[in-house]
Amino acid sequence: MRQNLMRDLLDRWGQEVTVETADGTAAARAFLQPLTERGETVPECVTSIGWTDERLWLYLGDTAADTGDTVTWNGRRFRVRSGRPWYVGRRLNHWWAVLEAAKEAAE
């Protein structure tokens, strides 16, 4: 019997990401994908600096991603809106988080 099926799935098909916390930066493996919308339209917002993507993303990973942390994947930065550990029985299986596109600070 497998000790951790999620770990096996992440090792085989997970994407390489970086998780930045107050304690430092860690390489991780995760599944990232946009959360589906009812009409499959991309929520957007027009600001004084242009169009921004307001879509939320799902993170399922092997490394803690908690509120306020930053996840970088494929050249894109995301802020963790909320995150928590996901247990199967008493064993930590993976981390679950909802991400939003990080807004870059104006220089």
N, C-alpha and C. Protein backbone atom coordinates (compact mmCIF):
# COMPACT_ATOMS: atom_id res chain seq x y z
N MET A 1 0.84 -1.18 0.00
CA MET A 1 0.00 0.00 0.00
C MET A 1 0.88 1.24 0.00
N ARG A 2 0.49 2.23 -0.77
CA ARG A 2 1.28 3.46 -0.87
C ARG A 2 1.19 4.26 0.42
N GLN A 3 2.33 4.84 0.79
CA GLN A 3 2.35 5.68 1.99
C GLN A 3 1.69 7.02 1.74
N ASN A 4 1.91 7.61 0.55
CA ASN A 4 1.34 8.91 0.26
C ASN A 4 1.11 9.03 -1.25
N LEU A 5 -0.11 8.74 -1.66
CA LEU A 5 -0.45 8.80 -3.08
C LEU A 5 -0.26 10.20 -3.64
N MET A 6 -0.60 11.24 -2.87
CA MET A 6 -0.44 12.60 -3.34
C MET A 6 1.03 12.90 -3.63
N ARG A 7 1.92 12.46 -2.78
CA ARG A 7 3.36 12.66 -2.99
C ARG A 7 3.79 12.02 -4.31
N ASP A 8 3.31 10.81 -4.59
CA ASP A 8 3.62 10.12 -5.84
C ASP A 8 3.09 10.90 -7.04
N LEU A 9 1.88 11.42 -6.94
CA LEU A 9 1.29 12.19 -8.04
C LEU A 9 2.07 13.48 -8.28
N LEU A 10 2.44 14.17 -7.21
CA LEU A 10 3.22 15.40 -7.36
C LEU A 10 4.59 15.13 -7.97
N ASP A 11 5.23 14.05 -7.54
CA ASP A 11 6.54 13.70 -8.10
C ASP A 11 6.45 13.42 -9.59
N ARG A 12 5.39 12.78 -10.00
CA ARG A 12 5.27 12.39 -11.41
C ARG A 12 4.72 13.50 -12.30
N TRP A 13 3.65 14.20 -11.85
CA TRP A 13 2.97 15.15 -12.72
C TRP A 13 2.92 16.59 -12.20
N GLY A 14 3.42 16.81 -11.01
CA GLY A 14 3.37 18.15 -10.44
C GLY A 14 4.27 19.13 -11.18
N GLN A 15 3.97 20.40 -11.01
CA GLN A 15 4.75 21.47 -11.63
C GLN A 15 5.77 22.00 -10.63
N GLU A 16 6.89 22.49 -11.12
CA GLU A 16 7.89 23.09 -10.25
C GLU A 16 7.47 24.51 -9.93
N VAL A 17 7.40 24.81 -8.64
CA VAL A 17 7.04 26.14 -8.17
C VAL A 17 8.03 26.57 -7.09
N THR A 18 7.97 27.84 -6.74
CA THR A 18 8.74 28.37 -5.62
C THR A 18 7.76 29.00 -4.65
N VAL A 19 7.91 28.69 -3.38
CA VAL A 19 7.06 29.26 -2.34
C VAL A 19 7.93 30.17 -1.47
N GLU A 20 7.54 31.45 -1.40
CA GLU A 20 8.26 32.43 -0.59
C GLU A 20 7.44 32.72 0.67
N THR A 21 8.07 32.51 1.82
CA THR A 21 7.43 32.79 3.10
C THR A 21 8.28 33.80 3.85
N ALA A 22 7.84 34.18 5.03
CA ALA A 22 8.63 35.08 5.87
C ALA A 22 9.95 34.43 6.29
N ASP A 23 9.99 33.10 6.29
CA ASP A 23 11.19 32.36 6.70
C ASP A 23 12.17 32.09 5.56
N GLY A 24 11.77 32.37 4.32
CA GLY A 24 12.66 32.12 3.19
C GLY A 24 11.92 31.57 1.99
N THR A 25 12.71 31.05 1.06
CA THR A 25 12.17 30.54 -0.21
C THR A 25 12.44 29.05 -0.31
N ALA A 26 11.46 28.29 -0.82
CA ALA A 26 11.62 26.85 -0.97
C ALA A 26 11.12 26.40 -2.33
N ALA A 27 11.86 25.50 -2.96
CA ALA A 27 11.41 24.86 -4.18
C ALA A 27 10.35 23.84 -3.79
N ALA A 28 9.33 23.70 -4.62
CA ALA A 28 8.23 22.78 -4.29
C ALA A 28 7.66 22.18 -5.57
N ARG A 29 6.80 21.21 -5.39
CA ARG A 29 6.04 20.63 -6.49
C ARG A 29 4.57 20.82 -6.15
N ALA A 30 3.79 21.21 -7.16
CA ALA A 30 2.38 21.50 -6.91
C ALA A 30 1.58 21.37 -8.19
N PHE A 31 0.29 21.26 -8.02
CA PHE A 31 -0.65 21.40 -9.12
C PHE A 31 -1.24 22.79 -9.00
N LEU A 32 -1.15 23.58 -10.07
CA LEU A 32 -1.74 24.91 -10.11
C LEU A 32 -2.70 24.96 -11.28
N GLN A 33 -3.88 25.50 -11.05
CA GLN A 33 -4.83 25.68 -12.13
C GLN A 33 -5.83 26.74 -11.76
N PRO A 34 -6.37 27.44 -12.77
CA PRO A 34 -7.38 28.45 -12.47
C PRO A 34 -8.64 27.78 -11.93
N LEU A 35 -9.26 28.42 -10.96
CA LEU A 35 -10.55 27.93 -10.48
C LEU A 35 -11.59 28.28 -11.54
N THR A 36 -12.49 27.36 -11.80
CA THR A 36 -13.48 27.57 -12.86
C THR A 36 -14.52 28.59 -12.44
N GLU A 37 -14.98 29.32 -13.41
CA GLU A 37 -16.04 30.30 -13.22
C GLU A 37 -17.30 29.75 -13.87
N ARG A 38 -18.44 30.18 -13.41
CA ARG A 38 -19.70 29.67 -13.96
C ARG A 38 -19.81 29.90 -15.46
N GLY A 39 -19.49 31.07 -15.91
CA GLY A 39 -19.62 31.39 -17.33
C GLY A 39 -18.33 31.23 -18.10
N GLU A 40 -17.26 30.73 -17.39
CA GLU A 40 -15.95 30.57 -18.00
C GLU A 40 -15.40 31.88 -18.55
N THR A 41 -15.83 32.99 -17.99
CA THR A 41 -15.25 34.27 -18.38
C THR A 41 -14.19 34.63 -17.35
N VAL A 42 -13.19 35.36 -17.77
CA VAL A 42 -12.12 35.75 -16.87
C VAL A 42 -12.53 37.02 -16.15
N PRO A 43 -12.68 36.97 -14.81
CA PRO A 43 -12.99 38.19 -14.09
C PRO A 43 -11.84 39.18 -14.29
N GLU A 44 -12.16 40.38 -14.60
CA GLU A 44 -11.12 41.36 -14.89
C GLU A 44 -11.45 42.68 -14.23
N CYS A 45 -10.45 43.50 -14.15
CA CYS A 45 -10.61 44.81 -13.56
C CYS A 45 -9.72 45.77 -14.34
N VAL A 46 -10.24 46.92 -14.68
CA VAL A 46 -9.44 47.94 -15.35
C VAL A 46 -9.03 48.96 -14.30
N THR A 47 -7.74 49.14 -14.16
CA THR A 47 -7.21 50.08 -13.18
C THR A 47 -6.50 51.23 -13.91
N SER A 48 -5.96 52.15 -13.15
CA SER A 48 -5.25 53.28 -13.76
C SER A 48 -3.99 52.84 -14.49
N ILE A 49 -3.48 51.63 -14.17
CA ILE A 49 -2.28 51.14 -14.85
C ILE A 49 -2.60 50.10 -15.91
N GLY A 50 -3.88 49.81 -16.13
CA GLY A 50 -4.25 48.86 -17.17
C GLY A 50 -5.14 47.74 -16.67
N TRP A 51 -5.28 46.70 -17.50
CA TRP A 51 -6.14 45.56 -17.22
C TRP A 51 -5.46 44.59 -16.29
N THR A 52 -6.19 44.06 -15.31
CA THR A 52 -5.64 43.03 -14.44
C THR A 52 -6.56 41.83 -14.43
N ASP A 53 -5.96 40.68 -14.29
CA ASP A 53 -6.68 39.40 -14.25
C ASP A 53 -7.06 39.13 -12.79
N GLU A 54 -8.35 39.04 -12.51
CA GLU A 54 -8.82 38.83 -11.14
C GLU A 54 -9.16 37.36 -10.86
N ARG A 55 -8.75 36.47 -11.74
CA ARG A 55 -9.04 35.05 -11.58
C ARG A 55 -8.32 34.48 -10.36
N LEU A 56 -8.95 33.54 -9.69
CA LEU A 56 -8.34 32.84 -8.57
C LEU A 56 -7.76 31.51 -9.07
N TRP A 57 -6.71 31.05 -8.39
CA TRP A 57 -6.03 29.81 -8.77
C TRP A 57 -6.02 28.86 -7.58
N LEU A 58 -6.01 27.56 -7.88
CA LEU A 58 -5.94 26.52 -6.87
C LEU A 58 -4.52 25.98 -6.79
N TYR A 59 -4.01 25.82 -5.58
CA TYR A 59 -2.69 25.26 -5.32
C TYR A 59 -2.87 24.00 -4.50
N LEU A 60 -2.36 22.88 -4.98
CA LEU A 60 -2.28 21.64 -4.22
C LEU A 60 -0.81 21.25 -4.25
N GLY A 61 -0.13 21.32 -3.10
CA GLY A 61 1.31 21.11 -3.13
C GLY A 61 1.87 20.42 -1.92
N ASP A 62 3.18 20.15 -2.01
CA ASP A 62 3.87 19.45 -0.93
C ASP A 62 4.50 20.39 0.09
N THR A 63 4.43 21.69 -0.18
CA THR A 63 5.05 22.69 0.70
C THR A 63 3.98 23.65 1.21
N ALA A 64 4.11 24.03 2.46
CA ALA A 64 3.15 24.94 3.08
C ALA A 64 3.04 26.23 2.28
N ALA A 65 1.81 26.63 1.99
CA ALA A 65 1.51 27.90 1.34
C ALA A 65 0.40 28.53 2.17
N ASP A 66 0.76 29.53 2.94
CA ASP A 66 -0.18 30.13 3.88
C ASP A 66 -0.48 31.57 3.50
N THR A 67 -1.52 32.12 4.09
CA THR A 67 -1.97 33.48 3.78
C THR A 67 -0.80 34.47 3.78
N GLY A 68 -0.69 35.22 2.67
CA GLY A 68 0.36 36.23 2.55
C GLY A 68 1.63 35.74 1.88
N ASP A 69 1.83 34.42 1.77
CA ASP A 69 3.00 33.89 1.09
C ASP A 69 2.88 34.16 -0.41
N THR A 70 3.98 33.96 -1.12
CA THR A 70 4.00 34.15 -2.57
C THR A 70 4.41 32.85 -3.25
N VAL A 71 3.69 32.48 -4.30
CA VAL A 71 4.01 31.30 -5.11
C VAL A 71 4.39 31.79 -6.49
N THR A 72 5.53 31.33 -7.00
CA THR A 72 5.97 31.68 -8.34
C THR A 72 5.97 30.42 -9.20
N TRP A 73 5.36 30.53 -10.37
CA TRP A 73 5.26 29.41 -11.31
C TRP A 73 5.30 29.94 -12.73
N ASN A 74 6.15 29.37 -13.52
CA ASN A 74 6.19 29.69 -14.95
C ASN A 74 6.30 31.20 -15.21
N GLY A 75 7.09 31.89 -14.37
CA GLY A 75 7.28 33.32 -14.53
C GLY A 75 6.16 34.19 -13.97
N ARG A 76 5.16 33.59 -13.37
CA ARG A 76 4.03 34.34 -12.80
C ARG A 76 4.09 34.27 -11.29
N ARG A 77 3.72 35.38 -10.65
CA ARG A 77 3.70 35.44 -9.19
C ARG A 77 2.26 35.50 -8.68
N PHE A 78 2.00 34.75 -7.63
CA PHE A 78 0.68 34.69 -7.02
C PHE A 78 0.81 34.93 -5.52
N ARG A 79 -0.17 35.62 -4.96
CA ARG A 79 -0.25 35.81 -3.51
C ARG A 79 -1.23 34.79 -2.96
N VAL A 80 -0.87 34.17 -1.86
CA VAL A 80 -1.77 33.19 -1.23
C VAL A 80 -2.85 33.95 -0.48
N ARG A 81 -4.08 33.76 -0.92
CA ARG A 81 -5.23 34.40 -0.27
C ARG A 81 -5.60 33.64 1.00
N SER A 82 -5.59 32.31 0.93
CA SER A 82 -5.81 31.47 2.11
C SER A 82 -5.20 30.10 1.82
N GLY A 83 -4.74 29.45 2.87
CA GLY A 83 -4.15 28.13 2.72
C GLY A 83 -4.26 27.33 4.00
N ARG A 84 -4.21 26.02 3.84
CA ARG A 84 -4.28 25.16 5.03
C ARG A 84 -3.78 23.76 4.69
N PRO A 85 -3.36 23.04 5.72
CA PRO A 85 -2.94 21.66 5.49
C PRO A 85 -4.16 20.77 5.28
N TRP A 86 -4.00 19.71 4.51
CA TRP A 86 -5.07 18.75 4.24
C TRP A 86 -4.61 17.39 4.72
N TYR A 87 -5.34 16.82 5.64
CA TYR A 87 -4.96 15.55 6.25
C TYR A 87 -5.83 14.41 5.75
N VAL A 88 -5.23 13.23 5.68
CA VAL A 88 -5.95 11.98 5.46
C VAL A 88 -5.67 11.17 6.71
N GLY A 89 -6.70 11.00 7.51
CA GLY A 89 -6.48 10.42 8.83
C GLY A 89 -5.66 11.39 9.66
N ARG A 90 -4.58 10.90 10.25
CA ARG A 90 -3.71 11.77 11.05
C ARG A 90 -2.48 12.23 10.27
N ARG A 91 -2.38 11.83 9.02
CA ARG A 91 -1.19 12.13 8.23
C ARG A 91 -1.43 13.31 7.29
N LEU A 92 -0.47 14.26 7.30
CA LEU A 92 -0.54 15.38 6.36
C LEU A 92 -0.40 14.83 4.95
N ASN A 93 -1.38 15.13 4.10
CA ASN A 93 -1.38 14.64 2.72
C ASN A 93 -0.83 15.69 1.75
N HIS A 94 -1.31 16.94 1.88
CA HIS A 94 -0.85 18.02 1.02
C HIS A 94 -1.33 19.36 1.57
N TRP A 95 -0.88 20.43 0.94
CA TRP A 95 -1.34 21.77 1.28
C TRP A 95 -2.29 22.25 0.21
N TRP A 96 -3.36 22.87 0.63
CA TRP A 96 -4.41 23.40 -0.25
C TRP A 96 -4.40 24.91 -0.07
N ALA A 97 -4.45 25.65 -1.18
CA ALA A 97 -4.48 27.11 -1.06
C ALA A 97 -5.21 27.72 -2.25
N VAL A 98 -5.75 28.89 -2.03
CA VAL A 98 -6.34 29.70 -3.09
C VAL A 98 -5.41 30.88 -3.33
N LEU A 99 -5.05 31.08 -4.59
CA LEU A 99 -4.09 32.12 -4.97
C LEU A 99 -4.76 33.18 -5.83
N GLU A 100 -4.17 34.36 -5.81
CA GLU A 100 -4.58 35.42 -6.73
C GLU A 100 -3.32 36.00 -7.34
N ALA A 101 -3.43 36.54 -8.53
CA ALA A 101 -2.27 37.13 -9.19
C ALA A 101 -1.70 38.23 -8.31
N ALA A 102 -0.39 38.20 -8.12
CA ALA A 102 0.27 39.24 -7.30
C ALA A 102 0.30 40.54 -8.08
N LYS A 103 -0.02 41.58 -7.41
CA LYS A 103 0.02 42.90 -8.03
C LYS A 103 1.39 43.49 -7.74
N GLU A 104 2.09 43.89 -8.77
CA GLU A 104 3.44 44.44 -8.62
C GLU A 104 3.36 45.87 -8.09
N ALA A 105 4.25 46.21 -7.19
CA ALA A 105 4.29 47.55 -6.62
C ALA A 105 4.83 48.53 -7.66
N ALA A 106 4.25 49.71 -7.69
CA ALA A 106 4.71 50.75 -8.61
C ALA A 106 6.06 51.28 -8.12
N GLU A 107 6.94 51.55 -9.06
CA GLU A 107 8.28 52.03 -8.68
C GLU A 107 8.31 53.54 -8.62
